[in-house]
C-alpha atoms as a PDB file:
ATOM      1  CA  MET A   1      18.461  -2.347  20.594  1.00  0.00           C
ATOM      2  CA  GLU A   2      15.869   0.611  20.241  1.00  0.00           C
ATOM      3  CA  GLU A   3      14.875  -0.674  23.904  1.00  0.00           C
ATOM      4  CA  LEU A   4      18.475   0.857  25.345  1.00  0.00           C
ATOM      5  CA  ARG A   5      17.559   4.408  23.994  1.00  0.00           C
ATOM      6  CA  GLU A   6      15.413   4.602  26.714  1.00  0.00           C
ATOM      7  CA  LYS A   7      17.119   5.482  30.165  1.00  0.00           C
ATOM      8  CA  ASP A   8      15.641   3.257  33.138  1.00  0.00           C
ATOM      9  CA  TYR A   9      15.671   0.185  30.684  1.00  0.00           C
ATOM     10  CA  ARG A  10      19.272   1.279  29.831  1.00  0.00           C
ATOM     11  CA  ARG A  11      20.338   1.372  33.388  1.00  0.00           C
ATOM     12  CA  ALA A  12      17.961  -1.855  34.074  1.00  0.00           C
ATOM     13  CA  PHE A  13      19.863  -3.935  31.521  1.00  0.00           C
ATOM     14  CA  LEU A  14      23.570  -2.762  32.949  1.00  0.00           C
ATOM     15  CA  GLY A  15      22.329  -3.845  36.285  1.00  0.00           C
ATOM     16  CA  GLU A  16      21.412  -6.949  35.043  1.00  0.00           C
ATOM     17  CA  ALA A  17      25.003  -7.721  33.845  1.00  0.00           C
ATOM     18  CA  ILE A  18      26.789  -6.429  37.250  1.00  0.00           C
ATOM     19  CA  ASN A  19      24.086  -8.353  39.098  1.00  0.00           C
ATOM     20  CA  ASP A  20      24.634 -12.017  36.556  1.00  0.00           C
ATOM     21  CA  MET A  21      28.962 -10.991  37.401  1.00  0.00           C
ATOM     22  CA  LEU A  22      28.271 -11.394  41.136  1.00  0.00           C
ATOM     23  CA  ALA A  23      25.819 -14.153  40.449  1.00  0.00           C
ATOM     24  CA  GLY A  24      28.957 -15.893  39.264  1.00  0.00           C
ATOM     25  CA  ASP A  25      27.303 -16.367  35.798  1.00  0.00           C
ATOM     26  CA  LEU A  26      30.034 -14.704  33.724  1.00  0.00           C
ATOM     27  CA  GLU A  27      28.504 -16.052  30.544  1.00  0.00           C
ATOM     28  CA  SER A  28      25.570 -13.912  30.896  1.00  0.00           C
ATOM     29  CA  ALA A  29      27.312 -11.068  31.987  1.00  0.00           C
ATOM     30  CA  LYS A  30      29.487 -10.894  29.094  1.00  0.00           C
ATOM     31  CA  MET A  31      26.801 -11.497  26.556  1.00  0.00           C
ATOM     32  CA  VAL A  32      24.705  -8.467  28.214  1.00  0.00           C
ATOM     33  CA  LEU A  33      27.364  -6.148  28.711  1.00  0.00           C
ATOM     34  CA  ARG A  34      28.007  -6.715  24.976  1.00  0.00           C
ATOM     35  CA  GLU A  35      24.450  -6.225  23.614  1.00  0.00           C
ATOM     36  CA  TYR A  36      24.780  -2.698  26.206  1.00  0.00           C
ATOM     37  CA  ILE A  37      27.754  -1.739  24.209  1.00  0.00           C
ATOM     38  CA  ASN A  38      26.443  -2.124  20.864  1.00  0.00           C
ATOM     39  CA  GLY A  39      23.023  -0.567  21.802  1.00  0.00           C
ATOM     40  CA  THR A  40      25.179   2.623  23.409  1.00  0.00           C
ATOM     41  CA  VAL A  41      28.564   3.805  22.891  1.00  0.00           C
ATOM     42  CA  GLY A  42      29.702   1.063  20.658  1.00  0.00           C
ATOM     43  CA  PHE A  43      33.511  -0.280  20.760  1.00  0.00           C
ATOM     44  CA  ILE A  44      34.915   1.941  19.628  1.00  0.00           C
ATOM     45  CA  LYS A  45      33.954   4.568  21.606  1.00  0.00           C
ATOM     46  CA  ALA A  46      34.844   2.393  24.714  1.00  0.00           C
ATOM     47  CA  GLY A  47      37.961   1.143  23.228  1.00  0.00           C
ATOM     48  CA  LYS A  48      39.735   4.661  23.114  1.00  0.00           C
ATOM     49  CA  ALA A  49      38.075   5.434  26.692  1.00  0.00           C
ATOM     50  CA  LEU A  50      39.890   2.365  27.914  1.00  0.00           C
ATOM     51  CA  ARG A  51      42.752   2.452  26.179  1.00  0.00           C
ATOM     52  CA  ARG A  52      41.803  -0.334  24.478  1.00  0.00           C
ATOM     53  CA  SER A  53      41.010  -1.784  21.000  1.00  0.00           C
ATOM     54  CA  PRO A  54      38.027  -2.538  20.316  1.00  0.00           C
ATOM     55  CA  LYS A  55      38.548  -6.027  19.061  1.00  0.00           C
ATOM     56  CA  SER A  56      40.415  -6.586  22.697  1.00  0.00           C
ATOM     57  CA  LEU A  57      37.014  -5.497  24.341  1.00  0.00           C
ATOM     58  CA  MET A  58      34.935  -7.912  21.610  1.00  0.00           C
ATOM     59  CA  ARG A  59      37.234 -10.625  22.191  1.00  0.00           C
ATOM     60  CA  MET A  60      37.140 -10.182  26.432  1.00  0.00           C
ATOM     61  CA  LEU A  61      32.940 -10.542  26.056  1.00  0.00           C
ATOM     62  CA  SER A  62      33.157 -12.956  23.653  1.00  0.00           C
ATOM     63  CA  ALA A  63      31.368 -16.410  24.355  1.00  0.00           C
ATOM     64  CA  ASN A  64      35.198 -17.870  24.850  1.00  0.00           C
ATOM     65  CA  GLY A  65      36.267 -14.889  26.175  1.00  0.00           C
ATOM     66  CA  ASN A  66      38.501 -14.944  29.705  1.00  0.00           C
ATOM     67  CA  PRO A  67      38.197 -11.311  31.030  1.00  0.00           C
ATOM     68  CA  GLN A  68      40.247 -10.153  33.813  1.00  0.00           C
ATOM     69  CA  ALA A  69      38.491  -9.220  36.567  1.00  0.00           C
ATOM     70  CA  ARG A  70      40.224  -5.370  36.378  1.00  0.00           C
ATOM     71  CA  ASN A  71      39.431  -5.080  32.571  1.00  0.00           C
ATOM     72  CA  LEU A  72      35.393  -6.138  33.781  1.00  0.00           C
ATOM     73  CA  LEU A  73      35.646  -3.800  36.366  1.00  0.00           C
ATOM     74  CA  GLU A  74      37.261  -0.651  34.612  1.00  0.00           C
ATOM     75  CA  LEU A  75      34.617  -1.232  31.985  1.00  0.00           C
ATOM     76  CA  VAL A  76      31.704  -1.328  34.500  1.00  0.00           C
ATOM     77  CA  ALA A  77      32.792   1.607  35.661  1.00  0.00           C
ATOM     78  CA  TYR A  78      33.089   3.593  32.384  1.00  0.00           C
ATOM     79  CA  LEU A  79      29.757   2.497  31.203  1.00  0.00           C
ATOM     80  CA  GLN A  80      28.726   3.816  34.706  1.00  0.00           C
ATOM     81  CA  LYS A  81      30.094   6.871  34.261  1.00  0.00           C
ATOM     82  CA  VAL A  82      28.576   7.263  30.086  1.00  0.00           C
ATOM     83  CA  GLU A  83      25.474   6.121  32.331  1.00  0.00           C
ATOM     84  CA  GLY A  84      25.178   9.148  34.796  1.00  0.00           C
ATOM     85  CA  THR A  85      24.538   6.297  37.572  1.00  0.00           C
ATOM     86  CA  THR A  86      26.446   3.919  40.039  1.00  0.00           C
ATOM     87  CA  ALA A  87      25.803   0.893  41.457  1.00  0.00           C
ATOM     88  CA  GLU A  88      25.263  -0.248  44.702  1.00  0.00           C
ATOM     89  CA  VAL A  89      25.052  -3.296  46.426  1.00  0.00           C
ATOM     90  CA  ARG A  90      22.756  -4.849  49.110  1.00  0.00           C
ATOM     91  CA  LEU A  91      23.208  -8.135  50.913  1.00  0.00           C
ATOM     92  CA  ALA A  92      20.369  -9.847  51.514  1.00  0.00           C
ATOM     93  CA  GLU A  93      18.980 -13.388  53.435  1.00  0.00           C
ATOM     94  CA  ARG A  94      18.450 -15.743  51.104  1.00  0.00           C
ATOM     95  CA  ALA A  95      15.566 -16.830  51.343  1.00  0.00           C
ATOM     96  CA  ALA A  96      15.508 -20.945  52.976  1.00  0.00           C
END
C-alpha cells in the first residue's frame, strides 16, 4: 500500500486495472481496483462521490461481485478524475 503514495505507481496501478478490463480479465481488474481504492481514496469517499454505499462498492469489487459495465466505468471515471489523469486506448497489431 505504501507504493500507492507515489503518483507514477498509482497511475500505473490504475492503468493495470483498466487494461485487465479491456483484456476481459474482470477478476484481476476488480482485485486491482479494490487495492487501489483501499490505498488511495477509500470506499467511504468513493461511495459518497458516486452516490452509492461503500458496502455496495465493496461487494461490486469482491471476488463474487458481478458489476454492471456502467458501474465500473463510473468508478474508473471517478478514479481518473481524482488522480488527475485520463486513460487512452491504443489499438495495435498482435504479435504473431
